All heavy atoms as atom14 arrays in JSON, in Angstrom:
{
  "sequence": "YKLEAQEALNKEKQDSMNRYGALSSQHKILKNQHEDVKKQLLDLQLQH",
  "atom14_mask": [
    [1, 1, 1, 1, 1, 1, 1, 1, 1, 1, 1, 1, 0, 0],
    [1, 1, 1, 1, 1, 1, 1, 1, 1, 0, 0, 0, 0, 0],
    [1, 1, 1, 1, 1, 1, 1, 1, 0, 0, 0, 0, 0, 0],
    [1, 1, 1, 1, 1, 1, 1, 1, 1, 0, 0, 0, 0, 0],
    [1, 1, 1, 1, 1, 0, 0, 0, 0, 0, 0, 0, 0, 0],
    [1, 1, 1, 1, 1, 1, 1, 1, 1, 0, 0, 0, 0, 0],
    [1, 1, 1, 1, 1, 1, 1, 1, 1, 0, 0, 0, 0, 0],
    [1, 1, 1, 1, 1, 0, 0, 0, 0, 0, 0, 0, 0, 0],
    [1, 1, 1, 1, 1, 1, 1, 1, 0, 0, 0, 0, 0, 0],
    [1, 1, 1, 1, 1, 1, 1, 1, 0, 0, 0, 0, 0, 0],
    [1, 1, 1, 1, 1, 1, 1, 1, 1, 0, 0, 0, 0, 0],
    [1, 1, 1, 1, 1, 1, 1, 1, 1, 0, 0, 0, 0, 0],
    [1, 1, 1, 1, 1, 1, 1, 1, 1, 0, 0, 0, 0, 0],
    [1, 1, 1, 1, 1, 1, 1, 1, 1, 0, 0, 0, 0, 0],
    [1, 1, 1, 1, 1, 1, 1, 1, 0, 0, 0, 0, 0, 0],
    [1, 1, 1, 1, 1, 1, 0, 0, 0, 0, 0, 0, 0, 0],
    [1, 1, 1, 1, 1, 1, 1, 1, 0, 0, 0, 0, 0, 0],
    [1, 1, 1, 1, 1, 1, 1, 1, 0, 0, 0, 0, 0, 0],
    [1, 1, 1, 1, 1, 1, 1, 1, 1, 1, 1, 0, 0, 0],
    [1, 1, 1, 1, 1, 1, 1, 1, 1, 1, 1, 1, 0, 0],
    [1, 1, 1, 1, 0, 0, 0, 0, 0, 0, 0, 0, 0, 0],
    [1, 1, 1, 1, 1, 0, 0, 0, 0, 0, 0, 0, 0, 0],
    [1, 1, 1, 1, 1, 1, 1, 1, 0, 0, 0, 0, 0, 0],
    [1, 1, 1, 1, 1, 1, 0, 0, 0, 0, 0, 0, 0, 0],
    [1, 1, 1, 1, 1, 1, 0, 0, 0, 0, 0, 0, 0, 0],
    [1, 1, 1, 1, 1, 1, 1, 1, 1, 0, 0, 0, 0, 0],
    [1, 1, 1, 1, 1, 1, 1, 1, 1, 1, 0, 0, 0, 0],
    [1, 1, 1, 1, 1, 1, 1, 1, 1, 0, 0, 0, 0, 0],
    [1, 1, 1, 1, 1, 1, 1, 1, 0, 0, 0, 0, 0, 0],
    [1, 1, 1, 1, 1, 1, 1, 1, 0, 0, 0, 0, 0, 0],
    [1, 1, 1, 1, 1, 1, 1, 1, 1, 0, 0, 0, 0, 0],
    [1, 1, 1, 1, 1, 1, 1, 1, 0, 0, 0, 0, 0, 0],
    [1, 1, 1, 1, 1, 1, 1, 1, 1, 0, 0, 0, 0, 0],
    [1, 1, 1, 1, 1, 1, 1, 1, 1, 1, 0, 0, 0, 0],
    [1, 1, 1, 1, 1, 1, 1, 1, 1, 0, 0, 0, 0, 0],
    [1, 1, 1, 1, 1, 1, 1, 1, 0, 0, 0, 0, 0, 0],
    [1, 1, 1, 1, 1, 1, 1, 0, 0, 0, 0, 0, 0, 0],
    [1, 1, 1, 1, 1, 1, 1, 1, 1, 0, 0, 0, 0, 0],
    [1, 1, 1, 1, 1, 1, 1, 1, 1, 0, 0, 0, 0, 0],
    [1, 1, 1, 1, 1, 1, 1, 1, 1, 0, 0, 0, 0, 0],
    [1, 1, 1, 1, 1, 1, 1, 1, 0, 0, 0, 0, 0, 0],
    [1, 1, 1, 1, 1, 1, 1, 1, 0, 0, 0, 0, 0, 0],
    [1, 1, 1, 1, 1, 1, 1, 1, 0, 0, 0, 0, 0, 0],
    [1, 1, 1, 1, 1, 1, 1, 1, 0, 0, 0, 0, 0, 0],
    [1, 1, 1, 1, 1, 1, 1, 1, 1, 0, 0, 0, 0, 0],
    [1, 1, 1, 1, 1, 1, 1, 1, 0, 0, 0, 0, 0, 0],
    [1, 1, 1, 1, 1, 1, 1, 1, 1, 0, 0, 0, 0, 0],
    [1, 1, 1, 1, 1, 1, 1, 1, 1, 1, 0, 0, 0, 0]
  ],
  "atom14_positions": [
    [[-30.38, 26.82, -15.51], [-30.26, 27.12, -14.08], [-31.57, 26.82, -13.36], [-31.59, 26.23, -12.28], [-29.86, 28.59, -13.89], [-29.98, 29.07, -12.46], [-29.03, 28.71, -11.5], [-31.07, 29.83, -12.05], [-29.15, 29.13, -10.19], [-31.2, 30.25, -10.74], [-30.23, 29.89, -9.82], [-30.35, 30.3, -8.52], [0.0, 0.0, 0.0], [0.0, 0.0, 0.0]],
    [[-32.69, 27.25, -13.98], [-34.0, 27.03, -13.39], [-34.3, 25.54, -13.25], [-34.79, 25.07, -12.21], [-35.07, 27.7, -14.26], [-36.46, 27.63, -13.7], [-37.44, 28.34, -14.61], [-38.88, 28.06, -14.22], [-39.84, 28.65, -15.13], [0.0, 0.0, 0.0], [0.0, 0.0, 0.0], [0.0, 0.0, 0.0], [0.0, 0.0, 0.0], [0.0, 0.0, 0.0]],
    [[-33.95, 24.75, -14.28], [-34.16, 23.31, -14.25], [-33.31, 22.65, -13.16], [-33.79, 21.81, -12.38], [-33.85, 22.7, -15.63], [-34.15, 21.22, -15.81], [-35.64, 20.97, -15.66], [-33.69, 20.74, -17.17], [0.0, 0.0, 0.0], [0.0, 0.0, 0.0], [0.0, 0.0, 0.0], [0.0, 0.0, 0.0], [0.0, 0.0, 0.0], [0.0, 0.0, 0.0]],
    [[-32.04, 23.06, -13.07], [-31.15, 22.5, -12.04], [-31.65, 22.87, -10.64], [-31.64, 22.03, -9.73], [-29.72, 23.01, -12.23], [-29.02, 22.4, -13.43], [-27.64, 23.04, -13.69], [-27.31, 24.06, -13.04], [-26.91, 22.51, -14.53], [0.0, 0.0, 0.0], [0.0, 0.0, 0.0], [0.0, 0.0, 0.0], [0.0, 0.0, 0.0], [0.0, 0.0, 0.0]],
    [[-32.08, 24.13, -10.47], [-32.59, 24.57, -9.17], [-33.85, 23.78, -8.81], [-34.03, 23.38, -7.65], [-32.88, 26.07, -9.19], [0.0, 0.0, 0.0], [0.0, 0.0, 0.0], [0.0, 0.0, 0.0], [0.0, 0.0, 0.0], [0.0, 0.0, 0.0], [0.0, 0.0, 0.0], [0.0, 0.0, 0.0], [0.0, 0.0, 0.0], [0.0, 0.0, 0.0]],
    [[-34.72, 23.56, -9.8], [-35.95, 22.8, -9.56], [-35.63, 21.36, -9.17], [-36.22, 20.81, -8.25], [-36.84, 22.83, -10.83], [-38.22, 22.28, -10.62], [-39.07, 23.14, -9.69], [-38.96, 24.36, -9.7], [-39.88, 22.52, -8.87], [0.0, 0.0, 0.0], [0.0, 0.0, 0.0], [0.0, 0.0, 0.0], [0.0, 0.0, 0.0], [0.0, 0.0, 0.0]],
    [[-34.64, 20.75, -9.86], [-34.23, 19.38, -9.54], [-33.63, 19.31, -8.14], [-33.93, 18.38, -7.37], [-33.22, 18.87, -10.57], [-33.84, 18.54, -11.92], [-32.79, 18.13, -12.97], [-31.57, 18.15, -12.65], [-33.2, 17.79, -14.08], [0.0, 0.0, 0.0], [0.0, 0.0, 0.0], [0.0, 0.0, 0.0], [0.0, 0.0, 0.0], [0.0, 0.0, 0.0]],
    [[-32.79, 20.31, -7.8], [-32.19, 20.33, -6.47], [-33.28, 20.49, -5.4], [-33.25, 19.83, -4.36], [-31.17, 21.47, -6.36], [0.0, 0.0, 0.0], [0.0, 0.0, 0.0], [0.0, 0.0, 0.0], [0.0, 0.0, 0.0], [0.0, 0.0, 0.0], [0.0, 0.0, 0.0], [0.0, 0.0, 0.0], [0.0, 0.0, 0.0], [0.0, 0.0, 0.0]],
    [[-34.24, 21.38, -5.69], [-35.34, 21.59, -4.75], [-36.18, 20.32, -4.59], [-36.53, 19.93, -3.47], [-36.22, 22.74, -5.25], [-37.37, 23.15, -4.34], [-36.83, 23.69, -3.02], [-38.23, 24.2, -5.02], [0.0, 0.0, 0.0], [0.0, 0.0, 0.0], [0.0, 0.0, 0.0], [0.0, 0.0, 0.0], [0.0, 0.0, 0.0], [0.0, 0.0, 0.0]],
    [[-36.46, 19.66, -5.71], [-37.23, 18.4, -5.66], [-36.48, 17.32, -4.88], [-37.07, 16.58, -4.1], [-37.56, 17.91, -7.07], [-38.64, 18.73, -7.73], [-39.39, 19.45, -7.06], [-38.73, 18.66, -9.05], [0.0, 0.0, 0.0], [0.0, 0.0, 0.0], [0.0, 0.0, 0.0], [0.0, 0.0, 0.0], [0.0, 0.0, 0.0], [0.0, 0.0, 0.0]],
    [[-35.14, 17.26, -5.12], [-34.32, 16.27, -4.41], [-34.32, 16.56, -2.9], [-34.5, 15.66, -2.08], [-32.89, 16.29, -4.94], [-32.02, 15.2, -4.33], [-30.65, 15.18, -5.01], [-29.85, 13.99, -4.57], [-29.06, 14.21, -3.39], [0.0, 0.0, 0.0], [0.0, 0.0, 0.0], [0.0, 0.0, 0.0], [0.0, 0.0, 0.0], [0.0, 0.0, 0.0]],
    [[-34.16, 17.83, -2.55], [-34.16, 18.2, -1.14], [-35.53, 17.93, -0.51], [-35.62, 17.45, 0.62], [-33.81, 19.69, -1.01], [-33.51, 20.12, 0.4], [-33.0, 21.55, 0.47], [-32.17, 21.94, -0.35], [-33.47, 22.26, 1.37], [0.0, 0.0, 0.0], [0.0, 0.0, 0.0], [0.0, 0.0, 0.0], [0.0, 0.0, 0.0], [0.0, 0.0, 0.0]],
    [[-36.58, 18.21, -1.27], [-37.93, 17.95, -0.78], [-38.14, 16.46, -0.55], [-38.7, 16.04, 0.47], [-38.94, 18.49, -1.8], [-40.37, 18.41, -1.34], [-41.3, 19.03, -2.39], [-42.76, 18.9, -2.0], [-43.64, 19.45, -3.01], [0.0, 0.0, 0.0], [0.0, 0.0, 0.0], [0.0, 0.0, 0.0], [0.0, 0.0, 0.0], [0.0, 0.0, 0.0]],
    [[-37.65, 15.63, -1.5], [-37.77, 14.17, -1.37], [-36.98, 13.68, -0.15], [-37.47, 12.84, 0.61], [-37.27, 13.49, -2.66], [-37.48, 11.99, -2.67], [-38.95, 11.61, -2.65], [-39.78, 12.25, -3.28], [-39.29, 10.57, -1.9], [0.0, 0.0, 0.0], [0.0, 0.0, 0.0], [0.0, 0.0, 0.0], [0.0, 0.0, 0.0], [0.0, 0.0, 0.0]],
    [[-35.76, 14.2, 0.03], [-34.95, 13.82, 1.2], [-35.68, 14.19, 2.5], [-35.7, 13.42, 3.45], [-33.58, 14.5, 1.16], [-32.67, 13.94, 0.07], [-33.0, 12.86, -0.47], [-31.65, 14.58, -0.23], [0.0, 0.0, 0.0], [0.0, 0.0, 0.0], [0.0, 0.0, 0.0], [0.0, 0.0, 0.0], [0.0, 0.0, 0.0], [0.0, 0.0, 0.0]],
    [[-36.25, 15.4, 2.5], [-36.98, 15.85, 3.7], [-38.17, 14.94, 3.96], [-38.45, 14.58, 5.12], [-37.45, 17.29, 3.53], [-36.35, 18.16, 3.45], [0.0, 0.0, 0.0], [0.0, 0.0, 0.0], [0.0, 0.0, 0.0], [0.0, 0.0, 0.0], [0.0, 0.0, 0.0], [0.0, 0.0, 0.0], [0.0, 0.0, 0.0], [0.0, 0.0, 0.0]],
    [[-38.89, 14.57, 2.92], [-40.04, 13.69, 3.1], [-39.59, 12.31, 3.61], [-40.27, 11.71, 4.45], [-40.82, 13.54, 1.78], [-41.54, 14.8, 1.35], [-42.7, 15.4, 2.58], [-43.99, 14.18, 2.45], [0.0, 0.0, 0.0], [0.0, 0.0, 0.0], [0.0, 0.0, 0.0], [0.0, 0.0, 0.0], [0.0, 0.0, 0.0], [0.0, 0.0, 0.0]],
    [[-38.47, 11.82, 3.1], [-37.94, 10.53, 3.57], [-37.56, 10.62, 5.05], [-37.88, 9.71, 5.83], [-36.72, 10.11, 2.74], [-37.1, 9.68, 1.33], [-38.25, 9.38, 1.05], [-36.13, 9.68, 0.44], [0.0, 0.0, 0.0], [0.0, 0.0, 0.0], [0.0, 0.0, 0.0], [0.0, 0.0, 0.0], [0.0, 0.0, 0.0], [0.0, 0.0, 0.0]],
    [[-36.87, 11.71, 5.41], [-36.49, 11.89, 6.82], [-37.75, 12.0, 7.69], [-37.81, 11.42, 8.78], [-35.65, 13.15, 6.99], [-34.16, 12.92, 6.81], [-33.32, 14.04, 7.4], [-33.8, 15.38, 7.1], [-33.38, 16.14, 6.09], [-32.47, 15.71, 5.27], [-33.87, 17.36, 5.91], [0.0, 0.0, 0.0], [0.0, 0.0, 0.0], [0.0, 0.0, 0.0]],
    [[-38.74, 12.74, 7.21], [-39.98, 12.88, 7.96], [-40.66, 11.52, 8.13], [-41.14, 11.19, 9.22], [-40.94, 13.85, 7.26], [-42.29, 13.91, 7.91], [-42.47, 14.62, 9.1], [-43.38, 13.24, 7.37], [-43.71, 14.67, 9.71], [-44.62, 13.28, 7.98], [-44.79, 13.99, 9.15], [-46.01, 14.02, 9.76], [0.0, 0.0, 0.0], [0.0, 0.0, 0.0]],
    [[-40.69, 10.72, 7.07], [-41.3, 9.39, 7.15], [-40.57, 8.51, 8.15], [-41.19, 7.81, 8.95], [0.0, 0.0, 0.0], [0.0, 0.0, 0.0], [0.0, 0.0, 0.0], [0.0, 0.0, 0.0], [0.0, 0.0, 0.0], [0.0, 0.0, 0.0], [0.0, 0.0, 0.0], [0.0, 0.0, 0.0], [0.0, 0.0, 0.0], [0.0, 0.0, 0.0]],
    [[-39.22, 8.57, 8.12], [-38.44, 7.76, 9.06], [-38.7, 8.21, 10.5], [-38.91, 7.39, 11.39], [-36.94, 7.87, 8.74], [0.0, 0.0, 0.0], [0.0, 0.0, 0.0], [0.0, 0.0, 0.0], [0.0, 0.0, 0.0], [0.0, 0.0, 0.0], [0.0, 0.0, 0.0], [0.0, 0.0, 0.0], [0.0, 0.0, 0.0], [0.0, 0.0, 0.0]],
    [[-38.7, 9.54, 10.71], [-38.94, 10.05, 12.06], [-40.37, 9.73, 12.51], [-40.6, 9.41, 13.68], [-38.71, 11.57, 12.1], [-37.25, 12.01, 12.05], [-37.18, 13.52, 11.94], [-36.47, 11.53, 13.25], [0.0, 0.0, 0.0], [0.0, 0.0, 0.0], [0.0, 0.0, 0.0], [0.0, 0.0, 0.0], [0.0, 0.0, 0.0], [0.0, 0.0, 0.0]],
    [[-41.3, 9.8, 11.59], [-42.69, 9.5, 11.92], [-42.85, 8.03, 12.33], [-43.5, 7.72, 13.33], [-43.58, 9.81, 10.73], [-44.91, 9.51, 11.0], [0.0, 0.0, 0.0], [0.0, 0.0, 0.0], [0.0, 0.0, 0.0], [0.0, 0.0, 0.0], [0.0, 0.0, 0.0], [0.0, 0.0, 0.0], [0.0, 0.0, 0.0], [0.0, 0.0, 0.0]],
    [[-42.23, 7.13, 11.58], [-42.33, 5.7, 11.94], [-41.6, 5.43, 13.26], [-42.09, 4.66, 14.09], [-41.78, 4.82, 10.82], [-40.4, 5.02, 10.65], [0.0, 0.0, 0.0], [0.0, 0.0, 0.0], [0.0, 0.0, 0.0], [0.0, 0.0, 0.0], [0.0, 0.0, 0.0], [0.0, 0.0, 0.0], [0.0, 0.0, 0.0], [0.0, 0.0, 0.0]],
    [[-40.46, 6.08, 13.45], [-39.74, 5.91, 14.72], [-40.58, 6.45, 15.87], [-40.65, 5.84, 16.94], [-38.39, 6.65, 14.66], [-37.5, 6.39, 15.84], [-36.15, 7.1, 15.7], [-35.94, 7.91, 14.81], [-35.25, 6.8, 16.6], [0.0, 0.0, 0.0], [0.0, 0.0, 0.0], [0.0, 0.0, 0.0], [0.0, 0.0, 0.0], [0.0, 0.0, 0.0]],
    [[-41.26, 7.56, 15.64], [-42.14, 8.12, 16.66], [-43.26, 7.15, 17.0], [-43.59, 6.95, 18.18], [-42.72, 9.46, 16.17], [-43.76, 10.03, 17.07], [-43.48, 10.59, 18.29], [-45.11, 10.1, 16.93], [-44.6, 10.99, 18.86], [-45.61, 10.71, 18.06], [0.0, 0.0, 0.0], [0.0, 0.0, 0.0], [0.0, 0.0, 0.0], [0.0, 0.0, 0.0]],
    [[-43.85, 6.54, 15.99], [-44.93, 5.57, 16.24], [-44.42, 4.39, 17.05], [-45.08, 3.92, 17.97], [-45.52, 5.08, 14.91], [-46.43, 6.09, 14.24], [-46.97, 5.56, 12.93], [-47.79, 6.62, 12.2], [-48.23, 6.17, 10.89], [0.0, 0.0, 0.0], [0.0, 0.0, 0.0], [0.0, 0.0, 0.0], [0.0, 0.0, 0.0], [0.0, 0.0, 0.0]],
    [[-43.23, 3.9, 16.67], [-42.63, 2.77, 17.39], [-42.4, 3.13, 18.86], [-42.77, 2.39, 19.77], [-41.31, 2.32, 16.72], [-41.61, 1.66, 15.36], [-40.54, 1.36, 17.61], [-40.38, 1.41, 14.52], [0.0, 0.0, 0.0], [0.0, 0.0, 0.0], [0.0, 0.0, 0.0], [0.0, 0.0, 0.0], [0.0, 0.0, 0.0], [0.0, 0.0, 0.0]],
    [[-41.8, 4.32, 19.08], [-41.53, 4.75, 20.45], [-42.83, 4.99, 21.22], [-42.91, 4.68, 22.42], [-40.67, 6.02, 20.44], [-39.23, 5.84, 19.99], [-38.53, 7.18, 19.89], [-38.47, 4.91, 20.92], [0.0, 0.0, 0.0], [0.0, 0.0, 0.0], [0.0, 0.0, 0.0], [0.0, 0.0, 0.0], [0.0, 0.0, 0.0], [0.0, 0.0, 0.0]],
    [[-43.82, 5.51, 20.54], [-45.12, 5.74, 21.19], [-45.73, 4.41, 21.62], [-46.25, 4.28, 22.73], [-46.04, 6.48, 20.22], [-47.29, 7.02, 20.84], [-48.06, 7.85, 19.83], [-49.37, 8.35, 20.4], [-50.13, 9.11, 19.42], [0.0, 0.0, 0.0], [0.0, 0.0, 0.0], [0.0, 0.0, 0.0], [0.0, 0.0, 0.0], [0.0, 0.0, 0.0]],
    [[-45.66, 3.4, 20.72], [-46.19, 2.07, 21.05], [-45.41, 1.45, 22.22], [-46.0, 0.85, 23.12], [-46.13, 1.14, 19.84], [-47.17, 1.52, 18.79], [-48.17, 2.16, 19.09], [-46.94, 1.12, 17.56], [0.0, 0.0, 0.0], [0.0, 0.0, 0.0], [0.0, 0.0, 0.0], [0.0, 0.0, 0.0], [0.0, 0.0, 0.0], [0.0, 0.0, 0.0]],
    [[-44.08, 1.62, 22.19], [-43.27, 1.1, 23.29], [-43.65, 1.8, 24.6], [-43.74, 1.16, 25.65], [-41.77, 1.32, 23.01], [-41.19, 0.38, 22.0], [-39.72, 0.67, 21.72], [-39.2, 1.73, 22.07], [-39.06, -0.26, 21.07], [0.0, 0.0, 0.0], [0.0, 0.0, 0.0], [0.0, 0.0, 0.0], [0.0, 0.0, 0.0], [0.0, 0.0, 0.0]],
    [[-43.86, 3.1, 24.51], [-44.26, 3.86, 25.7], [-45.59, 3.34, 26.25], [-45.72, 3.15, 27.47], [-44.37, 5.35, 25.34], [-44.86, 6.21, 26.46], [-44.11, 6.48, 27.58], [-46.04, 6.84, 26.65], [-44.8, 7.24, 28.39], [-45.99, 7.47, 27.85], [0.0, 0.0, 0.0], [0.0, 0.0, 0.0], [0.0, 0.0, 0.0], [0.0, 0.0, 0.0]],
    [[-46.53, 3.1, 25.37], [-47.83, 2.57, 25.8], [-47.66, 1.19, 26.44], [-48.29, 0.89, 27.46], [-48.81, 2.49, 24.62], [-49.28, 3.84, 24.12], [-50.02, 4.64, 25.17], [-50.81, 4.05, 25.94], [-49.79, 5.87, 25.23], [0.0, 0.0, 0.0], [0.0, 0.0, 0.0], [0.0, 0.0, 0.0], [0.0, 0.0, 0.0], [0.0, 0.0, 0.0]],
    [[-46.8, 0.35, 25.83], [-46.55, -0.98, 26.39], [-45.95, -0.88, 27.79], [-46.34, -1.61, 28.7], [-45.62, -1.79, 25.48], [-46.28, -2.2, 24.18], [-47.53, -2.1, 24.09], [-45.56, -2.61, 23.24], [0.0, 0.0, 0.0], [0.0, 0.0, 0.0], [0.0, 0.0, 0.0], [0.0, 0.0, 0.0], [0.0, 0.0, 0.0], [0.0, 0.0, 0.0]],
    [[-44.98, 0.03, 27.95], [-44.32, 0.2, 29.24], [-45.32, 0.73, 30.27], [-45.34, 0.29, 31.43], [-43.09, 1.13, 29.12], [-42.57, 1.57, 30.47], [-41.99, 0.43, 28.33], [0.0, 0.0, 0.0], [0.0, 0.0, 0.0], [0.0, 0.0, 0.0], [0.0, 0.0, 0.0], [0.0, 0.0, 0.0], [0.0, 0.0, 0.0], [0.0, 0.0, 0.0]],
    [[-46.19, 1.67, 29.84], [-47.22, 2.18, 30.76], [-48.15, 1.05, 31.19], [-48.49, 0.94, 32.37], [-48.03, 3.29, 30.08], [-47.42, 4.66, 30.23], [-48.17, 5.73, 29.44], [-49.57, 5.94, 29.87], [-50.24, 7.05, 29.14], [0.0, 0.0, 0.0], [0.0, 0.0, 0.0], [0.0, 0.0, 0.0], [0.0, 0.0, 0.0], [0.0, 0.0, 0.0]],
    [[-48.53, 0.19, 30.23], [-49.42, -0.93, 30.55], [-48.72, -1.9, 31.51], [-49.32, -2.38, 32.47], [-49.83, -1.65, 29.27], [-50.85, -2.72, 29.48], [-51.26, -3.37, 28.19], [-52.23, -4.52, 28.46], [-52.52, -5.3, 27.29], [0.0, 0.0, 0.0], [0.0, 0.0, 0.0], [0.0, 0.0, 0.0], [0.0, 0.0, 0.0], [0.0, 0.0, 0.0]],
    [[-47.45, -2.17, 31.23], [-46.67, -3.05, 32.1], [-46.59, -2.47, 33.52], [-46.75, -3.19, 34.5], [-45.24, -3.18, 31.55], [-44.85, -4.56, 31.16], [-43.41, -4.59, 30.66], [-42.78, -3.57, 30.39], [-42.88, -5.77, 30.52], [0.0, 0.0, 0.0], [0.0, 0.0, 0.0], [0.0, 0.0, 0.0], [0.0, 0.0, 0.0], [0.0, 0.0, 0.0]],
    [[-46.35, -1.16, 33.6], [-46.26, -0.51, 34.9], [-47.58, -0.64, 35.64], [-47.6, -0.97, 36.83], [-45.9, 0.97, 34.73], [-45.93, 1.82, 36.01], [-44.84, 1.36, 36.96], [-45.77, 3.29, 35.67], [0.0, 0.0, 0.0], [0.0, 0.0, 0.0], [0.0, 0.0, 0.0], [0.0, 0.0, 0.0], [0.0, 0.0, 0.0], [0.0, 0.0, 0.0]],
    [[-48.68, -0.41, 34.94], [-49.99, -0.53, 35.57], [-50.23, -1.95, 36.07], [-50.68, -2.16, 37.2], [-51.08, -0.12, 34.58], [-52.5, -0.05, 35.13], [-52.58, 1.0, 36.24], [-53.47, 0.29, 34.02], [0.0, 0.0, 0.0], [0.0, 0.0, 0.0], [0.0, 0.0, 0.0], [0.0, 0.0, 0.0], [0.0, 0.0, 0.0], [0.0, 0.0, 0.0]],
    [[-49.88, -2.94, 35.22], [-50.04, -4.34, 35.63], [-49.19, -4.65, 36.86], [-49.65, -5.32, 37.8], [-49.65, -5.29, 34.48], [-50.64, -5.26, 33.33], [-51.76, -4.74, 33.53], [-50.29, -5.74, 32.23], [0.0, 0.0, 0.0], [0.0, 0.0, 0.0], [0.0, 0.0, 0.0], [0.0, 0.0, 0.0], [0.0, 0.0, 0.0], [0.0, 0.0, 0.0]],
    [[-47.95, -4.16, 36.85], [-47.05, -4.42, 37.99], [-47.56, -3.73, 39.25], [-47.44, -4.28, 40.35], [-45.62, -3.97, 37.66], [-44.88, -4.86, 36.67], [-43.53, -4.23, 36.3], [-44.66, -6.26, 37.21], [0.0, 0.0, 0.0], [0.0, 0.0, 0.0], [0.0, 0.0, 0.0], [0.0, 0.0, 0.0], [0.0, 0.0, 0.0], [0.0, 0.0, 0.0]],
    [[-48.12, -2.52, 39.08], [-48.67, -1.83, 40.25], [-49.85, -2.61, 40.82], [-49.97, -2.75, 42.04], [-49.09, -0.41, 39.89], [-47.93, 0.56, 39.73], [-48.37, 1.93, 39.25], [-49.41, 2.06, 38.61], [-47.57, 2.93, 39.53], [0.0, 0.0, 0.0], [0.0, 0.0, 0.0], [0.0, 0.0, 0.0], [0.0, 0.0, 0.0], [0.0, 0.0, 0.0]],
    [[-50.71, -3.11, 39.94], [-51.85, -3.91, 40.4], [-51.37, -5.17, 41.1], [-51.89, -5.55, 42.16], [-52.76, -4.26, 39.23], [-53.56, -3.09, 38.62], [-54.28, -3.54, 37.37], [-54.54, -2.53, 39.63], [0.0, 0.0, 0.0], [0.0, 0.0, 0.0], [0.0, 0.0, 0.0], [0.0, 0.0, 0.0], [0.0, 0.0, 0.0], [0.0, 0.0, 0.0]],
    [[-50.38, -5.82, 40.48], [-49.83, -7.05, 41.09], [-49.2, -6.72, 42.45], [-49.39, -7.46, 43.42], [-48.78, -7.64, 40.15], [-48.23, -8.97, 40.6], [-47.2, -9.52, 39.63], [-46.85, -8.87, 38.65], [-46.7, -10.69, 39.9], [0.0, 0.0, 0.0], [0.0, 0.0, 0.0], [0.0, 0.0, 0.0], [0.0, 0.0, 0.0], [0.0, 0.0, 0.0]],
    [[-48.49, -5.6, 42.51], [-47.85, -5.19, 43.77], [-48.91, -4.95, 44.85], [-48.76, -5.39, 45.99], [-47.03, -3.91, 43.54], [-46.47, -3.32, 44.79], [-45.44, -3.88, 45.49], [-46.82, -2.2, 45.47], [-45.18, -3.15, 46.55], [-46.0, -2.11, 46.56], [0.0, 0.0, 0.0], [0.0, 0.0, 0.0], [0.0, 0.0, 0.0], [0.0, 0.0, 0.0]]
  ]
}
């Protein structure tokens, strides 16, 4: 039982880490896009 519980816990921990990694990379992508859009807005305001 202890071994099965440990394996289940490890599997859940690994899944959580995978989800965290995916969300972290998605966050970085969205953050970069946000910065690009802010830069574009600034450029367009200057042009305007």
